[in-house]
Amino acid sequence: MIAIIFGLIMGIVHYLSGHLLSEKAHYYNHIISFSAGISITYIFLDLFPQFSEGAVQISKFLFIFVLFGFILFHLVERYIYQHAPKNKLIRDLAIEDSVISFIYHFIVGIIIVNFVEQGVMKGTLFFIPILLYTAVSTLPVDKTKFKSIRFILSISTLLGVLFASFVNITIMIDNILLGTVIGILLFTVIRHSIPPSEKGEPLSFIIGVVLYTLMIIFLNWSFV
């Protein structure tokens, strides 16, 4: 039930993401930098260590899926930028964003179920940065104007949650998906969520890092 609630919240935020935050808002860069700080902190202090423990127990070759997720997003984006005609670039990037966004959030839904089964706090720690990333996504594409497509994309996380709730996902598959998501998150946060040069807000980024570091430490100590 908690995983389903997370999926529903993610869907609402995903659907309204184009209206929740305007790039023209004076606090836009502060929110992006704060979100990036939280995401980077979670990846390095909680998500990656957990994946490493599982990979060491199962197979060290699982680390290749972290690399796979990172390289996949990089190559797809580079290919479109370098080969798509200029007048079709935004359209092609929008198609890429829609397809990959659906797959990514569907996988996120599966992982949410896995983490919630390990504990509500574990699931919440994963849910918060993913929700923020969805809300302030800075991929360089236009949001689709078709409500039907937006709706399908918005329920992708919930579909992943429902799929994992009724289908038995093996530990191996869970770790493969987790590694891939880590790679994707690393790419998207570094490439698109951390504002470049003068657009960044270092203080907001540091606040995000410090707050989530303290939260992770507190929860790990409290629920050991």
N, C-alpha and C. Protein backbone atom coordinates (compact mmCIF):
# COMPACT_ATOMS: atom_id res chain seq x y z
N MET A 1 0.82 -1.20 0.00
CA MET A 1 0.00 0.00 0.00
C MET A 1 0.86 1.27 0.00
N ILE A 2 1.94 1.26 0.79
CA ILE A 2 2.84 2.43 0.83
C ILE A 2 3.48 2.65 -0.53
N ALA A 3 3.92 1.55 -1.16
CA ALA A 3 4.53 1.66 -2.48
C ALA A 3 3.54 2.22 -3.49
N ILE A 4 2.28 1.81 -3.40
CA ILE A 4 1.25 2.32 -4.31
C ILE A 4 1.02 3.81 -4.09
N ILE A 5 1.02 4.23 -2.82
CA ILE A 5 0.87 5.66 -2.50
C ILE A 5 2.03 6.44 -3.09
N PHE A 6 3.25 5.92 -2.94
CA PHE A 6 4.42 6.58 -3.53
C PHE A 6 4.26 6.69 -5.05
N GLY A 7 3.76 5.60 -5.66
CA GLY A 7 3.56 5.60 -7.10
C GLY A 7 2.54 6.64 -7.54
N LEU A 8 1.47 6.79 -6.77
CA LEU A 8 0.44 7.78 -7.08
C LEU A 8 0.98 9.20 -6.94
N ILE A 9 1.73 9.45 -5.87
CA ILE A 9 2.32 10.78 -5.66
C ILE A 9 3.28 11.10 -6.80
N MET A 10 4.10 10.12 -7.17
CA MET A 10 5.05 10.32 -8.26
C MET A 10 4.31 10.66 -9.55
N GLY A 11 3.19 9.97 -9.79
CA GLY A 11 2.40 10.21 -10.99
C GLY A 11 1.85 11.63 -11.05
N ILE A 12 1.32 12.10 -9.92
CA ILE A 12 0.76 13.46 -9.86
C ILE A 12 1.85 14.49 -10.12
N VAL A 13 2.99 14.32 -9.44
CA VAL A 13 4.11 15.26 -9.61
C VAL A 13 4.64 15.21 -11.04
N HIS A 14 4.73 14.00 -11.59
CA HIS A 14 5.22 13.83 -12.97
C HIS A 14 4.30 14.54 -13.95
N TYR A 15 2.99 14.39 -13.78
CA TYR A 15 2.02 15.00 -14.69
C TYR A 15 2.05 16.53 -14.60
N LEU A 16 2.26 17.04 -13.38
CA LEU A 16 2.21 18.49 -13.17
C LEU A 16 3.60 19.14 -13.20
N SER A 17 4.64 18.35 -13.49
CA SER A 17 6.01 18.87 -13.40
C SER A 17 6.23 20.10 -14.26
N GLY A 18 5.55 20.16 -15.41
CA GLY A 18 5.73 21.32 -16.28
C GLY A 18 5.15 22.59 -15.70
N HIS A 19 4.26 22.47 -14.72
CA HIS A 19 3.62 23.65 -14.12
C HIS A 19 4.13 23.94 -12.71
N LEU A 20 4.85 22.99 -12.13
CA LEU A 20 5.28 23.15 -10.73
C LEU A 20 6.43 24.14 -10.58
N LEU A 21 7.29 24.19 -11.60
CA LEU A 21 8.49 25.01 -11.48
C LEU A 21 8.81 25.67 -12.80
N SER A 22 8.83 26.99 -12.81
CA SER A 22 9.15 27.74 -14.02
C SER A 22 10.61 28.18 -13.98
N GLU A 23 11.30 28.05 -15.12
CA GLU A 23 12.70 28.48 -15.19
C GLU A 23 12.83 29.98 -14.97
N LYS A 24 11.74 30.71 -15.12
CA LYS A 24 11.78 32.16 -14.95
C LYS A 24 11.64 32.56 -13.48
N ALA A 25 11.26 31.60 -12.64
CA ALA A 25 11.11 31.91 -11.21
C ALA A 25 12.46 32.23 -10.61
N HIS A 26 12.50 33.22 -9.72
CA HIS A 26 13.78 33.67 -9.16
C HIS A 26 14.42 32.60 -8.27
N TYR A 27 13.64 31.66 -7.76
CA TYR A 27 14.16 30.62 -6.88
C TYR A 27 14.48 29.33 -7.65
N TYR A 28 14.35 29.36 -8.98
CA TYR A 28 14.52 28.15 -9.79
C TYR A 28 15.88 27.49 -9.57
N ASN A 29 16.97 28.27 -9.70
CA ASN A 29 18.32 27.71 -9.56
C ASN A 29 18.58 27.21 -8.15
N HIS A 30 17.97 27.86 -7.15
CA HIS A 30 18.12 27.41 -5.77
C HIS A 30 17.51 26.01 -5.59
N ILE A 31 16.32 25.81 -6.14
CA ILE A 31 15.65 24.52 -6.01
C ILE A 31 16.40 23.43 -6.77
N ILE A 32 16.87 23.75 -7.99
CA ILE A 32 17.62 22.78 -8.78
C ILE A 32 18.89 22.37 -8.05
N SER A 33 19.62 23.35 -7.51
CA SER A 33 20.87 23.07 -6.80
C SER A 33 20.61 22.27 -5.52
N PHE A 34 19.55 22.62 -4.79
CA PHE A 34 19.18 21.90 -3.57
C PHE A 34 18.85 20.45 -3.89
N SER A 35 18.06 20.25 -4.95
CA SER A 35 17.68 18.91 -5.38
C SER A 35 18.91 18.10 -5.79
N ALA A 36 19.83 18.73 -6.51
CA ALA A 36 21.05 18.05 -6.95
C ALA A 36 21.89 17.63 -5.74
N GLY A 37 21.95 18.47 -4.73
CA GLY A 37 22.70 18.14 -3.51
C GLY A 37 22.13 16.93 -2.81
N ILE A 38 20.81 16.86 -2.72
CA ILE A 38 20.15 15.72 -2.10
C ILE A 38 20.40 14.45 -2.91
N SER A 39 20.26 14.54 -4.23
CA SER A 39 20.40 13.37 -5.10
C SER A 39 21.82 12.81 -5.05
N ILE A 40 22.81 13.68 -5.17
CA ILE A 40 24.21 13.24 -5.14
C ILE A 40 24.53 12.59 -3.80
N THR A 41 24.06 13.20 -2.72
CA THR A 41 24.32 12.66 -1.38
C THR A 41 23.71 11.27 -1.22
N TYR A 42 22.47 11.12 -1.67
CA TYR A 42 21.81 9.81 -1.54
C TYR A 42 22.51 8.75 -2.37
N ILE A 43 22.93 9.11 -3.58
CA ILE A 43 23.62 8.14 -4.45
C ILE A 43 24.88 7.62 -3.79
N PHE A 44 25.70 8.52 -3.25
CA PHE A 44 27.00 8.12 -2.73
C PHE A 44 26.96 7.56 -1.31
N LEU A 45 26.02 8.02 -0.50
CA LEU A 45 26.01 7.59 0.90
C LEU A 45 25.06 6.44 1.20
N ASP A 46 24.10 6.19 0.34
CA ASP A 46 23.12 5.13 0.65
C ASP A 46 22.88 4.19 -0.53
N LEU A 47 22.56 4.74 -1.68
CA LEU A 47 22.19 3.90 -2.82
C LEU A 47 23.36 3.06 -3.32
N PHE A 48 24.50 3.70 -3.55
CA PHE A 48 25.65 2.97 -4.06
C PHE A 48 26.19 1.95 -3.05
N PRO A 49 26.32 2.31 -1.76
CA PRO A 49 26.77 1.30 -0.78
C PRO A 49 25.86 0.08 -0.73
N GLN A 50 24.54 0.29 -0.78
CA GLN A 50 23.62 -0.85 -0.74
C GLN A 50 23.80 -1.72 -1.98
N PHE A 51 23.93 -1.09 -3.13
CA PHE A 51 24.14 -1.85 -4.36
C PHE A 51 25.45 -2.62 -4.29
N SER A 52 26.49 -2.00 -3.74
CA SER A 52 27.80 -2.65 -3.64
C SER A 52 27.74 -3.91 -2.79
N GLU A 53 27.00 -3.84 -1.68
CA GLU A 53 26.86 -5.01 -0.81
C GLU A 53 26.22 -6.17 -1.58
N GLY A 54 25.16 -5.86 -2.32
CA GLY A 54 24.48 -6.90 -3.08
C GLY A 54 25.35 -7.45 -4.20
N ALA A 55 26.08 -6.54 -4.88
CA ALA A 55 26.93 -6.96 -6.00
C ALA A 55 28.06 -7.86 -5.53
N VAL A 56 28.64 -7.54 -4.38
CA VAL A 56 29.74 -8.34 -3.85
C VAL A 56 29.25 -9.74 -3.49
N GLN A 57 28.05 -9.83 -2.95
CA GLN A 57 27.50 -11.14 -2.56
C GLN A 57 27.08 -11.97 -3.77
N ILE A 58 26.57 -11.32 -4.81
CA ILE A 58 26.07 -12.04 -5.98
C ILE A 58 27.15 -12.17 -7.05
N SER A 59 27.60 -11.04 -7.58
CA SER A 59 28.63 -11.02 -8.61
C SER A 59 29.14 -9.60 -8.80
N LYS A 60 30.46 -9.44 -8.80
CA LYS A 60 31.05 -8.12 -9.00
C LYS A 60 30.78 -7.59 -10.40
N PHE A 61 30.39 -8.47 -11.31
CA PHE A 61 30.10 -8.04 -12.67
C PHE A 61 28.83 -7.20 -12.74
N LEU A 62 28.05 -7.19 -11.65
CA LEU A 62 26.85 -6.36 -11.63
C LEU A 62 27.19 -4.87 -11.72
N PHE A 63 28.42 -4.50 -11.35
CA PHE A 63 28.83 -3.10 -11.44
C PHE A 63 28.80 -2.61 -12.88
N ILE A 64 28.84 -3.52 -13.82
CA ILE A 64 28.82 -3.12 -15.23
C ILE A 64 27.51 -2.44 -15.59
N PHE A 65 26.44 -2.72 -14.82
CA PHE A 65 25.15 -2.12 -15.12
C PHE A 65 25.08 -0.66 -14.68
N VAL A 66 25.91 -0.27 -13.71
CA VAL A 66 26.02 1.14 -13.36
C VAL A 66 26.62 1.88 -14.55
N LEU A 67 27.68 1.31 -15.09
CA LEU A 67 28.32 1.88 -16.27
C LEU A 67 27.36 1.88 -17.45
N PHE A 68 26.59 0.80 -17.59
CA PHE A 68 25.64 0.68 -18.69
C PHE A 68 24.60 1.79 -18.65
N GLY A 69 24.02 2.05 -17.47
CA GLY A 69 23.01 3.09 -17.33
C GLY A 69 23.56 4.46 -17.68
N PHE A 70 24.77 4.75 -17.22
CA PHE A 70 25.41 6.05 -17.48
C PHE A 70 25.70 6.21 -18.97
N ILE A 71 26.34 5.20 -19.56
CA ILE A 71 26.74 5.28 -20.97
C ILE A 71 25.52 5.30 -21.89
N LEU A 72 24.49 4.53 -21.54
CA LEU A 72 23.30 4.47 -22.37
C LEU A 72 22.69 5.85 -22.58
N PHE A 73 22.49 6.58 -21.49
CA PHE A 73 21.91 7.92 -21.58
C PHE A 73 22.84 8.87 -22.34
N HIS A 74 24.13 8.74 -22.09
CA HIS A 74 25.09 9.61 -22.76
C HIS A 74 25.09 9.37 -24.27
N LEU A 75 25.14 8.11 -24.69
CA LEU A 75 25.22 7.79 -26.11
C LEU A 75 23.95 8.17 -26.86
N VAL A 76 22.80 7.90 -26.25
CA VAL A 76 21.54 8.24 -26.91
C VAL A 76 21.45 9.75 -27.12
N GLU A 77 21.79 10.51 -26.10
CA GLU A 77 21.72 11.96 -26.21
C GLU A 77 22.74 12.50 -27.21
N ARG A 78 23.98 11.96 -27.15
CA ARG A 78 25.02 12.41 -28.09
C ARG A 78 24.62 12.09 -29.53
N TYR A 79 24.06 10.91 -29.75
CA TYR A 79 23.68 10.50 -31.10
C TYR A 79 22.65 11.46 -31.67
N ILE A 80 21.65 11.81 -30.88
CA ILE A 80 20.60 12.69 -31.36
C ILE A 80 21.15 14.08 -31.65
N TYR A 81 22.00 14.60 -30.76
CA TYR A 81 22.58 15.93 -30.97
C TYR A 81 23.43 15.97 -32.23
N GLN A 82 24.17 14.90 -32.51
CA GLN A 82 25.12 14.91 -33.61
C GLN A 82 24.53 14.49 -34.95
N HIS A 83 23.44 13.73 -34.95
CA HIS A 83 22.91 13.19 -36.20
C HIS A 83 21.53 13.72 -36.59
N ALA A 84 20.76 14.19 -35.63
CA ALA A 84 19.42 14.69 -35.97
C ALA A 84 19.53 16.04 -36.66
N PRO A 85 18.75 16.27 -37.73
CA PRO A 85 18.72 17.59 -38.36
C PRO A 85 18.32 18.64 -37.33
N LYS A 86 18.87 19.83 -37.47
CA LYS A 86 18.63 20.88 -36.47
C LYS A 86 17.16 21.17 -36.28
N ASN A 87 16.39 21.14 -37.36
CA ASN A 87 14.97 21.46 -37.22
C ASN A 87 14.16 20.34 -36.59
N LYS A 88 14.79 19.16 -36.41
CA LYS A 88 14.09 18.03 -35.78
C LYS A 88 14.68 17.70 -34.41
N LEU A 89 15.68 18.45 -33.99
CA LEU A 89 16.41 18.11 -32.77
C LEU A 89 15.50 18.07 -31.55
N ILE A 90 14.75 19.11 -31.32
CA ILE A 90 13.90 19.18 -30.13
C ILE A 90 12.84 18.09 -30.17
N ARG A 91 12.29 17.83 -31.38
CA ARG A 91 11.27 16.79 -31.50
C ARG A 91 11.86 15.42 -31.17
N ASP A 92 13.05 15.14 -31.71
CA ASP A 92 13.68 13.84 -31.47
C ASP A 92 14.08 13.68 -30.02
N LEU A 93 14.56 14.75 -29.42
CA LEU A 93 14.91 14.70 -28.00
C LEU A 93 13.65 14.47 -27.16
N ALA A 94 12.53 15.05 -27.58
CA ALA A 94 11.28 14.86 -26.86
C ALA A 94 10.84 13.41 -26.93
N ILE A 95 11.02 12.78 -28.11
CA ILE A 95 10.68 11.37 -28.26
C ILE A 95 11.56 10.53 -27.36
N GLU A 96 12.87 10.83 -27.39
CA GLU A 96 13.82 10.11 -26.53
C GLU A 96 13.42 10.25 -25.08
N ASP A 97 13.09 11.47 -24.66
CA ASP A 97 12.74 11.72 -23.28
C ASP A 97 11.50 10.95 -22.87
N SER A 98 10.50 10.89 -23.76
CA SER A 98 9.25 10.20 -23.44
C SER A 98 9.45 8.70 -23.27
N VAL A 99 10.18 8.10 -24.20
CA VAL A 99 10.40 6.66 -24.15
C VAL A 99 11.26 6.28 -22.95
N ILE A 100 12.39 6.96 -22.81
CA ILE A 100 13.31 6.63 -21.72
C ILE A 100 12.71 6.99 -20.38
N SER A 101 11.95 8.09 -20.34
CA SER A 101 11.31 8.49 -19.09
C SER A 101 10.34 7.41 -18.62
N PHE A 102 9.58 6.83 -19.55
CA PHE A 102 8.63 5.78 -19.19
C PHE A 102 9.37 4.57 -18.64
N ILE A 103 10.41 4.12 -19.35
CA ILE A 103 11.17 2.95 -18.92
C ILE A 103 11.83 3.21 -17.57
N TYR A 104 12.44 4.39 -17.44
CA TYR A 104 13.13 4.74 -16.20
C TYR A 104 12.18 4.73 -15.01
N HIS A 105 11.03 5.39 -15.15
CA HIS A 105 10.10 5.47 -14.02
C HIS A 105 9.42 4.14 -13.75
N PHE A 106 9.26 3.32 -14.78
CA PHE A 106 8.73 1.97 -14.57
C PHE A 106 9.70 1.17 -13.70
N ILE A 107 10.99 1.26 -14.02
CA ILE A 107 12.01 0.57 -13.21
C ILE A 107 12.04 1.14 -11.80
N VAL A 108 11.90 2.46 -11.68
CA VAL A 108 11.86 3.10 -10.36
C VAL A 108 10.72 2.52 -9.53
N GLY A 109 9.57 2.28 -10.15
CA GLY A 109 8.44 1.69 -9.45
C GLY A 109 8.78 0.32 -8.89
N ILE A 110 9.50 -0.48 -9.68
CA ILE A 110 9.92 -1.81 -9.22
C ILE A 110 10.85 -1.69 -8.02
N ILE A 111 11.79 -0.76 -8.09
CA ILE A 111 12.76 -0.58 -7.00
C ILE A 111 12.08 -0.05 -5.74
N ILE A 112 11.08 0.80 -5.91
CA ILE A 112 10.34 1.32 -4.75
C ILE A 112 9.73 0.16 -3.97
N VAL A 113 9.13 -0.79 -4.66
CA VAL A 113 8.54 -1.96 -4.00
C VAL A 113 9.61 -2.73 -3.25
N ASN A 114 10.75 -2.93 -3.87
CA ASN A 114 11.87 -3.65 -3.25
C ASN A 114 12.33 -2.96 -1.98
N PHE A 115 12.49 -1.65 -2.03
CA PHE A 115 12.98 -0.90 -0.87
C PHE A 115 11.94 -0.81 0.25
N VAL A 116 10.67 -0.63 -0.12
CA VAL A 116 9.61 -0.56 0.89
C VAL A 116 9.50 -1.88 1.63
N GLU A 117 9.72 -2.99 0.91
CA GLU A 117 9.70 -4.31 1.55
C GLU A 117 10.83 -4.45 2.57
N GLN A 118 11.93 -3.71 2.37
CA GLN A 118 13.04 -3.73 3.31
C GLN A 118 12.77 -2.82 4.51
N GLY A 119 11.84 -1.89 4.36
CA GLY A 119 11.50 -0.98 5.44
C GLY A 119 10.96 0.33 4.90
N VAL A 120 10.03 0.93 5.62
CA VAL A 120 9.41 2.18 5.17
C VAL A 120 10.46 3.28 5.03
N MET A 121 11.40 3.36 5.98
CA MET A 121 12.41 4.40 5.93
C MET A 121 13.33 4.22 4.72
N LYS A 122 13.62 2.96 4.40
CA LYS A 122 14.46 2.67 3.24
C LYS A 122 13.77 3.13 1.97
N GLY A 123 12.49 2.85 1.89
CA GLY A 123 11.71 3.27 0.73
C GLY A 123 11.58 4.78 0.64
N THR A 124 11.42 5.43 1.78
CA THR A 124 11.27 6.89 1.81
C THR A 124 12.56 7.58 1.40
N LEU A 125 13.70 7.07 1.87
CA LEU A 125 14.98 7.66 1.50
C LEU A 125 15.19 7.62 -0.01
N PHE A 126 14.73 6.55 -0.64
CA PHE A 126 14.85 6.43 -2.10
C PHE A 126 13.82 7.33 -2.79
N PHE A 127 12.62 7.39 -2.23
CA PHE A 127 11.52 8.11 -2.86
C PHE A 127 11.76 9.62 -2.93
N ILE A 128 12.30 10.21 -1.88
CA ILE A 128 12.45 11.68 -1.82
C ILE A 128 13.31 12.23 -2.95
N PRO A 129 14.55 11.76 -3.12
CA PRO A 129 15.36 12.32 -4.22
C PRO A 129 14.80 12.02 -5.60
N ILE A 130 14.19 10.84 -5.77
CA ILE A 130 13.59 10.51 -7.06
C ILE A 130 12.42 11.44 -7.36
N LEU A 131 11.61 11.74 -6.33
CA LEU A 131 10.48 12.65 -6.49
C LEU A 131 10.96 14.05 -6.87
N LEU A 132 12.00 14.52 -6.16
CA LEU A 132 12.54 15.85 -6.45
C LEU A 132 13.09 15.90 -7.87
N TYR A 133 13.80 14.84 -8.27
CA TYR A 133 14.36 14.81 -9.61
C TYR A 133 13.24 14.88 -10.65
N THR A 134 12.16 14.17 -10.41
CA THR A 134 11.03 14.17 -11.34
C THR A 134 10.38 15.55 -11.41
N ALA A 135 10.27 16.21 -10.24
CA ALA A 135 9.61 17.52 -10.17
C ALA A 135 10.42 18.61 -10.86
N VAL A 136 11.76 18.53 -10.78
CA VAL A 136 12.60 19.60 -11.31
C VAL A 136 13.45 19.14 -12.47
N SER A 137 13.01 18.09 -13.17
CA SER A 137 13.77 17.55 -14.29
C SER A 137 14.19 18.66 -15.24
N THR A 138 15.48 18.68 -15.62
CA THR A 138 16.01 19.74 -16.48
C THR A 138 16.49 19.21 -17.82
N LEU A 139 15.94 18.05 -18.26
CA LEU A 139 16.30 17.55 -19.58
C LEU A 139 15.92 18.58 -20.63
N PRO A 140 16.78 18.82 -21.62
CA PRO A 140 16.56 19.90 -22.59
C PRO A 140 15.54 19.56 -23.66
N VAL A 141 14.32 19.29 -23.24
CA VAL A 141 13.26 18.94 -24.19
C VAL A 141 11.98 19.67 -23.82
N ASP A 142 11.12 19.80 -24.78
CA ASP A 142 9.79 20.36 -24.52
C ASP A 142 8.87 19.28 -23.98
N LYS A 143 8.12 19.60 -22.96
CA LYS A 143 7.14 18.64 -22.45
C LYS A 143 6.08 18.39 -23.52
N THR A 144 5.68 17.13 -23.66
CA THR A 144 4.67 16.82 -24.67
C THR A 144 3.38 17.57 -24.38
N LYS A 145 2.75 18.03 -25.45
CA LYS A 145 1.50 18.78 -25.31
C LYS A 145 0.28 17.86 -25.34
N PHE A 146 0.51 16.58 -25.65
CA PHE A 146 -0.60 15.63 -25.71
C PHE A 146 -0.88 15.09 -24.31
N LYS A 147 -2.08 15.36 -23.81
CA LYS A 147 -2.44 14.95 -22.45
C LYS A 147 -2.43 13.45 -22.28
N SER A 148 -2.80 12.71 -23.35
CA SER A 148 -2.82 11.25 -23.26
C SER A 148 -1.42 10.69 -23.03
N ILE A 149 -0.43 11.25 -23.74
CA ILE A 149 0.96 10.80 -23.56
C ILE A 149 1.47 11.20 -22.19
N ARG A 150 1.15 12.42 -21.76
CA ARG A 150 1.56 12.88 -20.43
C ARG A 150 0.98 11.98 -19.36
N PHE A 151 -0.26 11.55 -19.56
CA PHE A 151 -0.91 10.68 -18.57
C PHE A 151 -0.21 9.32 -18.51
N ILE A 152 0.08 8.76 -19.68
CA ILE A 152 0.77 7.46 -19.72
C ILE A 152 2.13 7.55 -19.04
N LEU A 153 2.87 8.63 -19.33
CA LEU A 153 4.18 8.81 -18.71
C LEU A 153 4.05 8.98 -17.20
N SER A 154 3.01 9.68 -16.77
CA SER A 154 2.86 9.97 -15.34
C SER A 154 2.52 8.73 -14.52
N ILE A 155 1.89 7.73 -15.15
CA ILE A 155 1.53 6.53 -14.38
C ILE A 155 2.58 5.42 -14.52
N SER A 156 3.70 5.73 -15.19
CA SER A 156 4.72 4.71 -15.41
C SER A 156 5.29 4.17 -14.10
N THR A 157 5.49 5.04 -13.10
CA THR A 157 6.00 4.57 -11.81
C THR A 157 4.98 3.67 -11.13
N LEU A 158 3.72 4.06 -11.16
CA LEU A 158 2.66 3.24 -10.55
C LEU A 158 2.56 1.89 -11.25
N LEU A 159 2.71 1.87 -12.56
CA LEU A 159 2.68 0.61 -13.31
C LEU A 159 3.83 -0.29 -12.88
N GLY A 160 5.00 0.31 -12.65
CA GLY A 160 6.14 -0.45 -12.17
C GLY A 160 5.89 -1.03 -10.78
N VAL A 161 5.25 -0.23 -9.92
CA VAL A 161 4.90 -0.68 -8.57
C VAL A 161 3.94 -1.87 -8.65
N LEU A 162 2.90 -1.74 -9.46
CA LEU A 162 1.91 -2.82 -9.59
C LEU A 162 2.54 -4.08 -10.20
N PHE A 163 3.41 -3.88 -11.18
CA PHE A 163 4.09 -5.02 -11.80
C PHE A 163 4.91 -5.79 -10.77
N ALA A 164 5.70 -5.06 -9.97
CA ALA A 164 6.54 -5.71 -8.96
C ALA A 164 5.72 -6.31 -7.83
N SER A 165 4.51 -5.81 -7.63
CA SER A 165 3.66 -6.32 -6.56
C SER A 165 3.05 -7.68 -6.92
N PHE A 166 2.90 -7.94 -8.22
CA PHE A 166 2.27 -9.18 -8.64
C PHE A 166 3.22 -10.16 -9.33
N VAL A 167 4.41 -9.69 -9.67
CA VAL A 167 5.39 -10.55 -10.34
C VAL A 167 6.60 -10.71 -9.43
N ASN A 168 7.06 -11.92 -9.28
CA ASN A 168 8.22 -12.20 -8.43
C ASN A 168 9.51 -11.77 -9.14
N ILE A 169 10.16 -10.73 -8.61
CA ILE A 169 11.41 -10.23 -9.18
C ILE A 169 12.58 -10.85 -8.42
N THR A 170 13.47 -11.51 -9.12
CA THR A 170 14.60 -12.16 -8.46
C THR A 170 15.59 -11.13 -7.92
N ILE A 171 16.41 -11.57 -6.97
CA ILE A 171 17.42 -10.69 -6.39
C ILE A 171 18.39 -10.20 -7.47
N MET A 172 18.74 -11.09 -8.38
CA MET A 172 19.65 -10.73 -9.46
C MET A 172 19.08 -9.61 -10.31
N ILE A 173 17.81 -9.74 -10.71
CA ILE A 173 17.15 -8.71 -11.53
C ILE A 173 17.04 -7.41 -10.76
N ASP A 174 16.71 -7.50 -9.47
CA ASP A 174 16.62 -6.30 -8.63
C ASP A 174 17.93 -5.53 -8.65
N ASN A 175 19.04 -6.25 -8.51
CA ASN A 175 20.35 -5.60 -8.49
C ASN A 175 20.74 -5.05 -9.85
N ILE A 176 20.36 -5.75 -10.91
CA ILE A 176 20.63 -5.25 -12.26
C ILE A 176 19.89 -3.93 -12.49
N LEU A 177 18.61 -3.90 -12.11
CA LEU A 177 17.81 -2.70 -12.28
C LEU A 177 18.34 -1.56 -11.41
N LEU A 178 18.72 -1.89 -10.17
CA LEU A 178 19.24 -0.87 -9.26
C LEU A 178 20.54 -0.27 -9.81
N GLY A 179 21.43 -1.12 -10.30
CA GLY A 179 22.68 -0.64 -10.87
C GLY A 179 22.44 0.27 -12.06
N THR A 180 21.48 -0.11 -12.91
CA THR A 180 21.16 0.70 -14.08
C THR A 180 20.61 2.06 -13.67
N VAL A 181 19.73 2.08 -12.66
CA VAL A 181 19.16 3.34 -12.17
C VAL A 181 20.25 4.24 -11.57
N ILE A 182 21.20 3.65 -10.86
CA ILE A 182 22.30 4.44 -10.31
C ILE A 182 23.07 5.13 -11.43
N GLY A 183 23.38 4.37 -12.49
CA GLY A 183 24.10 4.95 -13.62
C GLY A 183 23.31 6.06 -14.28
N ILE A 184 22.00 5.85 -14.46
CA ILE A 184 21.13 6.86 -15.06
C ILE A 184 21.07 8.11 -14.19
N LEU A 185 20.92 7.90 -12.89
CA LEU A 185 20.85 9.04 -11.97
C LEU A 185 22.14 9.85 -11.98
N LEU A 186 23.28 9.14 -11.97
CA LEU A 186 24.56 9.84 -12.00
C LEU A 186 24.66 10.72 -13.24
N PHE A 187 24.26 10.17 -14.38
CA PHE A 187 24.34 10.95 -15.61
C PHE A 187 23.39 12.14 -15.59
N THR A 188 22.12 11.89 -15.25
CA THR A 188 21.13 12.95 -15.32
C THR A 188 21.37 14.05 -14.29
N VAL A 189 21.81 13.67 -13.10
CA VAL A 189 22.08 14.68 -12.08
C VAL A 189 23.29 15.52 -12.47
N ILE A 190 24.38 14.86 -12.87
CA ILE A 190 25.60 15.58 -13.23
C ILE A 190 25.41 16.38 -14.52
N ARG A 191 24.74 15.78 -15.49
CA ARG A 191 24.60 16.40 -16.81
C ARG A 191 23.50 17.45 -16.86
N HIS A 192 22.40 17.22 -16.15
CA HIS A 192 21.24 18.09 -16.33
C HIS A 192 20.74 18.77 -15.06
N SER A 193 20.99 18.19 -13.89
CA SER A 193 20.39 18.74 -12.67
C SER A 193 21.31 19.69 -11.91
N ILE A 194 22.62 19.57 -12.10
CA ILE A 194 23.53 20.52 -11.46
C ILE A 194 23.71 21.69 -12.41
N PRO A 195 23.21 22.87 -12.05
CA PRO A 195 23.30 24.03 -12.94
C PRO A 195 24.74 24.37 -13.27
N PRO A 196 25.05 24.63 -14.54
CA PRO A 196 26.42 24.94 -14.94
C PRO A 196 26.86 26.33 -14.56
N SER A 197 28.16 26.47 -14.35
CA SER A 197 28.85 27.75 -14.13
C SER A 197 28.07 28.71 -13.24
N GLU A 198 27.77 29.90 -13.76
CA GLU A 198 27.20 30.94 -12.92
C GLU A 198 25.75 30.70 -12.55
N LYS A 199 25.08 29.71 -13.16
CA LYS A 199 23.68 29.44 -12.86
C LYS A 199 23.49 28.67 -11.56
N GLY A 200 24.54 28.01 -11.10
CA GLY A 200 24.44 27.21 -9.89
C GLY A 200 24.38 28.05 -8.63
N GLU A 201 23.81 27.47 -7.59
CA GLU A 201 23.72 28.12 -6.28
C GLU A 201 24.44 27.21 -5.27
N PRO A 202 25.75 27.44 -5.03
CA PRO A 202 26.54 26.56 -4.16
C PRO A 202 25.95 26.39 -2.76
N LEU A 203 25.42 27.47 -2.19
CA LEU A 203 24.87 27.38 -0.84
C LEU A 203 23.68 26.43 -0.80
N SER A 204 22.79 26.54 -1.77
CA SER A 204 21.63 25.65 -1.83
C SER A 204 22.07 24.21 -2.03
N PHE A 205 23.09 24.00 -2.84
CA PHE A 205 23.62 22.66 -3.08
C PHE A 205 24.18 22.08 -1.79
N ILE A 206 24.96 22.88 -1.07
CA ILE A 206 25.56 22.43 0.20
C ILE A 206 24.49 22.13 1.24
N ILE A 207 23.45 22.97 1.30
CA ILE A 207 22.36 22.73 2.25
C ILE A 207 21.70 21.38 1.96
N GLY A 208 21.47 21.09 0.68
CA GLY A 208 20.90 19.80 0.31
C GLY A 208 21.78 18.65 0.72
N VAL A 209 23.09 18.80 0.51
CA VAL A 209 24.05 17.76 0.88
C VAL A 209 24.05 17.53 2.39
N VAL A 210 24.14 18.61 3.15
CA VAL A 210 24.22 18.50 4.62
C VAL A 210 22.93 17.91 5.20
N LEU A 211 21.79 18.41 4.76
CA LEU A 211 20.51 17.94 5.31
C LEU A 211 20.30 16.45 5.04
N TYR A 212 20.59 16.02 3.82
CA TYR A 212 20.34 14.61 3.51
C TYR A 212 21.40 13.71 4.14
N THR A 213 22.60 14.23 4.31
CA THR A 213 23.64 13.46 5.01
C THR A 213 23.21 13.20 6.45
N LEU A 214 22.73 14.25 7.12
CA LEU A 214 22.27 14.11 8.49
C LEU A 214 21.07 13.17 8.58
N MET A 215 20.17 13.26 7.60
CA MET A 215 18.99 12.40 7.59
C MET A 215 19.37 10.94 7.42
N ILE A 216 20.30 10.66 6.51
CA ILE A 216 20.75 9.29 6.28
C ILE A 216 21.44 8.73 7.51
N ILE A 217 22.31 9.54 8.13
CA ILE A 217 23.02 9.10 9.33
C ILE A 217 22.04 8.82 10.46
N PHE A 218 21.09 9.73 10.67
CA PHE A 218 20.10 9.58 11.74
C PHE A 218 19.26 8.33 11.56
N LEU A 219 18.76 8.12 10.35
CA LEU A 219 17.91 6.96 10.09
C LEU A 219 18.68 5.65 10.19
N ASN A 220 19.92 5.65 9.75
CA ASN A 220 20.73 4.43 9.84
C ASN A 220 21.04 4.08 11.30
N TRP A 221 21.30 5.09 12.12
CA TRP A 221 21.56 4.87 13.53
C TRP A 221 20.29 4.46 14.28
N SER A 222 19.16 5.06 13.87
CA SER A 222 17.90 4.84 14.59
C SER A 222 17.32 3.47 14.32
N PHE A 223 17.61 2.90 13.13
CA PHE A 223 16.95 1.66 12.74
C PHE A 223 17.94 0.52 12.54
N VAL A 224 19.11 0.63 13.16
CA VAL A 224 20.09 -0.46 13.09
C VAL A 224 19.56 -1.64 13.91
